[in-house]
N, C-alpha and C. Protein backbone atom coordinates (compact mmCIF):
# COMPACT_ATOMS: atom_id res chain seq x y z
N MET A 1 260.51 150.55 82.73
CA MET A 1 259.84 150.01 81.58
C MET A 1 260.51 148.73 81.10
N GLU A 2 261.82 148.68 81.19
CA GLU A 2 262.56 147.49 80.76
C GLU A 2 262.24 146.30 81.65
N ILE A 3 262.04 146.52 82.93
CA ILE A 3 261.70 145.43 83.85
C ILE A 3 260.36 144.82 83.46
N LEU A 4 259.38 145.66 83.17
CA LEU A 4 258.07 145.18 82.76
C LEU A 4 258.16 144.40 81.45
N SER A 5 258.92 144.91 80.52
CA SER A 5 259.11 144.24 79.23
C SER A 5 259.77 142.88 79.41
N ASN A 6 260.79 142.81 80.26
CA ASN A 6 261.46 141.53 80.54
C ASN A 6 260.52 140.56 81.23
N THR A 7 259.71 141.04 82.14
CA THR A 7 258.76 140.18 82.86
C THR A 7 257.74 139.60 81.89
N ILE A 8 257.20 140.42 81.02
CA ILE A 8 256.23 139.94 80.03
C ILE A 8 256.87 138.93 79.09
N GLN A 9 258.08 139.23 78.64
CA GLN A 9 258.79 138.33 77.73
C GLN A 9 259.07 136.98 78.38
N THR A 10 259.49 136.99 79.63
CA THR A 10 259.77 135.76 80.37
C THR A 10 258.50 134.95 80.56
N THR A 11 257.41 135.63 80.87
CA THR A 11 256.13 134.95 81.05
C THR A 11 255.68 134.29 79.76
N LEU A 12 255.78 135.00 78.65
CA LEU A 12 255.37 134.44 77.37
C LEU A 12 256.24 133.26 76.95
N GLU A 13 257.51 133.30 77.30
CA GLU A 13 258.42 132.20 76.96
C GLU A 13 258.23 130.99 77.86
N SER A 14 257.57 131.17 78.99
CA SER A 14 257.39 130.08 79.95
C SER A 14 256.20 129.18 79.63
N PHE A 15 255.36 129.59 78.69
CA PHE A 15 254.16 128.84 78.36
C PHE A 15 254.08 128.61 76.87
N ASP A 16 253.40 127.53 76.50
CA ASP A 16 253.08 127.27 75.11
C ASP A 16 251.55 127.34 74.99
N PHE A 17 251.07 128.45 74.48
CA PHE A 17 249.63 128.67 74.44
C PHE A 17 248.94 127.73 73.45
N ALA A 18 249.65 127.28 72.43
CA ALA A 18 249.08 126.29 71.51
C ALA A 18 248.81 124.98 72.26
N PHE A 19 249.70 124.62 73.18
CA PHE A 19 249.50 123.42 74.01
C PHE A 19 248.19 123.55 74.78
N CYS A 20 247.97 124.71 75.40
CA CYS A 20 246.76 124.93 76.19
C CYS A 20 245.50 124.81 75.33
N ILE A 21 245.55 125.39 74.15
CA ILE A 21 244.38 125.35 73.27
C ILE A 21 244.13 123.92 72.78
N ILE A 22 245.19 123.21 72.41
CA ILE A 22 245.05 121.82 71.95
C ILE A 22 244.46 120.96 73.06
N VAL A 23 244.98 121.10 74.26
CA VAL A 23 244.49 120.30 75.39
C VAL A 23 243.01 120.59 75.64
N ASN A 24 242.64 121.86 75.65
CA ASN A 24 241.25 122.21 75.93
C ASN A 24 240.29 121.76 74.84
N VAL A 25 240.67 121.94 73.59
CA VAL A 25 239.79 121.52 72.49
C VAL A 25 239.67 120.00 72.45
N LEU A 26 240.78 119.30 72.60
CA LEU A 26 240.74 117.84 72.57
C LEU A 26 239.94 117.28 73.75
N THR A 27 240.12 117.86 74.92
CA THR A 27 239.34 117.43 76.09
C THR A 27 237.85 117.65 75.85
N TYR A 28 237.52 118.82 75.32
CA TYR A 28 236.12 119.14 75.00
C TYR A 28 235.54 118.12 74.04
N LEU A 29 236.27 117.81 72.96
CA LEU A 29 235.77 116.87 71.97
C LEU A 29 235.61 115.46 72.53
N ILE A 30 236.56 115.03 73.34
CA ILE A 30 236.48 113.68 73.92
C ILE A 30 235.32 113.58 74.89
N ILE A 31 235.14 114.60 75.74
CA ILE A 31 234.01 114.58 76.68
C ILE A 31 232.70 114.58 75.91
N ARG A 32 232.63 115.39 74.87
CA ARG A 32 231.42 115.44 74.06
C ARG A 32 231.14 114.10 73.39
N LEU A 33 232.17 113.47 72.85
CA LEU A 33 232.02 112.17 72.20
C LEU A 33 231.55 111.11 73.20
N ILE A 34 232.13 111.11 74.39
CA ILE A 34 231.72 110.15 75.43
C ILE A 34 230.27 110.39 75.82
N ASN A 35 229.89 111.65 76.01
CA ASN A 35 228.50 111.96 76.37
C ASN A 35 227.53 111.51 75.28
N ASP A 36 227.88 111.74 74.03
CA ASP A 36 227.01 111.32 72.93
C ASP A 36 226.88 109.81 72.86
N ARG A 37 227.99 109.10 73.09
CA ARG A 37 227.97 107.63 73.06
C ARG A 37 227.19 107.05 74.24
N ASN A 38 227.09 107.80 75.33
CA ASN A 38 226.35 107.34 76.52
C ASN A 38 224.91 107.80 76.50
N GLY A 39 224.39 108.20 75.37
CA GLY A 39 223.01 108.65 75.30
C GLY A 39 222.82 110.01 75.93
N HIS A 40 223.78 110.89 75.78
CA HIS A 40 223.76 112.26 76.31
C HIS A 40 223.72 112.31 77.84
N LYS A 41 224.21 111.25 78.49
CA LYS A 41 224.35 111.28 79.95
C LYS A 41 225.64 112.03 80.28
N ASP A 42 225.56 112.97 81.19
CA ASP A 42 226.73 113.75 81.55
C ASP A 42 227.73 112.93 82.34
N LEU A 43 228.99 113.14 82.04
CA LEU A 43 230.06 112.53 82.84
C LEU A 43 230.13 113.24 84.18
N THR A 44 230.63 112.53 85.16
CA THR A 44 230.82 113.16 86.47
C THR A 44 232.00 114.11 86.38
N THR A 45 232.09 115.00 87.34
CA THR A 45 233.20 115.96 87.37
C THR A 45 234.54 115.24 87.42
N TRP A 46 234.62 114.17 88.19
CA TRP A 46 235.88 113.43 88.30
C TRP A 46 236.24 112.73 86.99
N SER A 47 235.23 112.28 86.26
CA SER A 47 235.49 111.66 84.95
C SER A 47 236.03 112.69 83.97
N LYS A 48 235.47 113.89 84.01
CA LYS A 48 235.95 114.97 83.14
C LYS A 48 237.39 115.34 83.50
N ARG A 49 237.69 115.36 84.77
CA ARG A 49 239.05 115.67 85.21
C ARG A 49 240.03 114.58 84.77
N LEU A 50 239.57 113.33 84.81
CA LEU A 50 240.41 112.23 84.36
C LEU A 50 240.69 112.34 82.86
N VAL A 51 239.67 112.70 82.08
CA VAL A 51 239.87 112.91 80.65
C VAL A 51 240.89 114.03 80.44
N LEU A 52 240.74 115.13 81.16
CA LEU A 52 241.69 116.24 81.06
C LEU A 52 243.10 115.79 81.38
N LEU A 53 243.26 115.04 82.45
CA LEU A 53 244.58 114.55 82.85
C LEU A 53 245.19 113.65 81.79
N LEU A 54 244.40 112.76 81.23
CA LEU A 54 244.90 111.86 80.19
C LEU A 54 245.29 112.63 78.93
N VAL A 55 244.51 113.64 78.59
CA VAL A 55 244.85 114.46 77.42
C VAL A 55 246.13 115.24 77.67
N ILE A 56 246.25 115.83 78.87
CA ILE A 56 247.46 116.58 79.21
C ILE A 56 248.68 115.66 79.13
N LEU A 57 248.58 114.46 79.69
CA LEU A 57 249.70 113.52 79.64
C LEU A 57 250.03 113.12 78.21
N SER A 58 249.02 112.84 77.41
CA SER A 58 249.25 112.42 76.02
C SER A 58 249.91 113.53 75.20
N ILE A 59 249.35 114.71 75.27
CA ILE A 59 249.90 115.83 74.51
C ILE A 59 251.27 116.21 75.06
N GLY A 60 251.44 116.14 76.38
CA GLY A 60 252.73 116.44 77.00
C GLY A 60 253.83 115.49 76.52
N VAL A 61 253.52 114.21 76.45
CA VAL A 61 254.49 113.23 75.96
C VAL A 61 254.82 113.51 74.50
N LEU A 62 253.81 113.80 73.71
CA LEU A 62 254.03 114.13 72.30
C LEU A 62 254.93 115.36 72.16
N TYR A 63 254.65 116.40 72.91
CA TYR A 63 255.48 117.61 72.88
C TYR A 63 256.91 117.30 73.32
N TYR A 64 257.05 116.47 74.35
CA TYR A 64 258.39 116.10 74.83
C TYR A 64 259.16 115.34 73.76
N LEU A 65 258.49 114.40 73.11
CA LEU A 65 259.13 113.62 72.05
C LEU A 65 259.51 114.49 70.84
N LEU A 66 258.79 115.58 70.66
CA LEU A 66 259.10 116.51 69.58
C LEU A 66 260.20 117.49 69.96
N GLY A 67 260.72 117.37 71.20
CA GLY A 67 261.87 118.16 71.61
C GLY A 67 261.57 119.45 72.34
N ASN A 68 260.37 119.61 72.86
CA ASN A 68 260.04 120.82 73.61
C ASN A 68 260.60 120.76 75.02
N ASP A 69 260.80 121.92 75.60
CA ASP A 69 261.35 122.06 76.95
C ASP A 69 260.38 121.51 78.00
N THR A 70 260.90 120.70 78.90
CA THR A 70 260.08 120.07 79.94
C THR A 70 259.41 121.11 80.83
N ARG A 71 260.12 122.17 81.17
CA ARG A 71 259.56 123.22 82.03
C ARG A 71 258.38 123.91 81.34
N THR A 72 258.52 124.17 80.06
CA THR A 72 257.44 124.81 79.31
C THR A 72 256.22 123.89 79.23
N ILE A 73 256.45 122.61 79.03
CA ILE A 73 255.35 121.65 78.98
C ILE A 73 254.64 121.59 80.32
N LEU A 74 255.39 121.53 81.40
CA LEU A 74 254.79 121.48 82.74
C LEU A 74 254.01 122.76 83.04
N ASN A 75 254.60 123.91 82.73
CA ASN A 75 253.90 125.18 82.96
C ASN A 75 252.61 125.25 82.15
N SER A 76 252.67 124.80 80.91
CA SER A 76 251.50 124.83 80.04
C SER A 76 250.43 123.84 80.51
N ALA A 77 250.87 122.70 81.04
CA ALA A 77 249.92 121.71 81.57
C ALA A 77 249.17 122.28 82.77
N ILE A 78 249.85 123.08 83.57
CA ILE A 78 249.20 123.73 84.71
C ILE A 78 248.28 124.85 84.22
N LEU A 79 248.70 125.57 83.20
CA LEU A 79 247.92 126.69 82.69
C LEU A 79 246.66 126.24 81.95
N ALA A 80 246.68 125.08 81.31
CA ALA A 80 245.57 124.65 80.45
C ALA A 80 244.21 124.65 81.17
N PRO A 81 244.05 124.02 82.34
CA PRO A 81 242.74 124.08 82.98
C PRO A 81 242.39 125.47 83.50
N VAL A 82 243.39 126.25 83.89
CA VAL A 82 243.15 127.62 84.34
C VAL A 82 242.68 128.47 83.15
N PHE A 83 243.33 128.29 82.00
CA PHE A 83 242.96 128.99 80.78
C PHE A 83 241.52 128.69 80.42
N TRP A 84 241.12 127.43 80.56
CA TRP A 84 239.74 127.06 80.26
C TRP A 84 238.78 127.69 81.26
N SER A 85 239.04 127.54 82.54
CA SER A 85 238.11 128.00 83.58
C SER A 85 237.94 129.52 83.60
N TRP A 86 239.02 130.25 83.45
CA TRP A 86 238.97 131.69 83.62
C TRP A 86 238.78 132.47 82.33
N ILE A 87 239.16 131.88 81.19
CA ILE A 87 239.09 132.63 79.94
C ILE A 87 238.07 132.03 78.98
N MET A 88 238.26 130.78 78.60
CA MET A 88 237.43 130.19 77.56
C MET A 88 236.00 129.87 78.02
N LYS A 89 235.84 129.35 79.22
CA LYS A 89 234.50 128.99 79.69
C LYS A 89 233.59 130.21 79.78
N PRO A 90 234.04 131.34 80.35
CA PRO A 90 233.17 132.52 80.35
C PRO A 90 232.83 133.01 78.94
N ILE A 91 233.78 132.92 78.01
CA ILE A 91 233.50 133.32 76.63
C ILE A 91 232.46 132.39 76.01
N CYS A 92 232.63 131.09 76.22
CA CYS A 92 231.66 130.12 75.69
C CYS A 92 230.28 130.33 76.29
N LYS A 93 230.22 130.60 77.60
CA LYS A 93 228.92 130.87 78.23
C LYS A 93 228.26 132.11 77.65
N HIS A 94 229.08 133.12 77.38
CA HIS A 94 228.54 134.36 76.82
C HIS A 94 227.89 134.10 75.46
N PHE A 95 228.50 133.26 74.64
CA PHE A 95 227.98 132.94 73.33
C PHE A 95 227.07 131.71 73.33
N LYS A 96 226.74 131.22 74.54
CA LYS A 96 225.85 130.07 74.73
C LYS A 96 226.34 128.84 73.98
N VAL A 97 227.65 128.61 74.05
CA VAL A 97 228.27 127.43 73.46
C VAL A 97 228.62 126.49 74.60
N ASP A 98 228.08 125.28 74.56
CA ASP A 98 228.33 124.30 75.60
C ASP A 98 228.26 122.93 74.95
N TYR A 99 229.06 122.00 75.45
CA TYR A 99 229.05 120.67 74.86
C TYR A 99 227.70 119.98 75.05
N LYS A 100 226.85 120.51 75.91
CA LYS A 100 225.54 119.91 76.13
C LYS A 100 224.53 120.34 75.06
N ASN A 101 224.77 121.49 74.42
CA ASN A 101 223.75 121.96 73.47
C ASN A 101 224.28 122.21 72.06
N VAL A 102 225.48 121.78 71.75
CA VAL A 102 226.03 121.91 70.41
C VAL A 102 226.17 120.50 69.82
N ASN A 103 225.56 120.28 68.67
CA ASN A 103 225.61 118.96 68.04
C ASN A 103 226.82 118.88 67.11
N LEU A 104 227.88 118.29 67.59
CA LEU A 104 229.10 118.17 66.80
C LEU A 104 229.14 116.87 66.01
N PHE A 105 228.57 115.83 66.54
CA PHE A 105 228.74 114.50 65.97
C PHE A 105 227.45 113.95 65.37
N ASP A 106 226.52 114.80 65.03
CA ASP A 106 225.27 114.33 64.42
C ASP A 106 225.36 114.35 62.92
């Protein structure tokens, strides 16, 4: 039981879940803003990935400057898109929430 407890504790200490949420929400908002400014034309997949990468780098630098551990930032940067794809996106689909059909900036 102690091994399982230590494993869970180590895993939780290796990630900053607030980082993942900030990255995903900010990426969502930026993509939505760009789509609205382009007359609701969808960005390409590669453009969305570029936005994600730029957000990860920006938030990562901010976290680093605030004194966070580099390993935790890197682990969280890797977890952020996985967290979105496997956890948040299915939840959003279930509730029919998508940046294509939610008017945030009207």
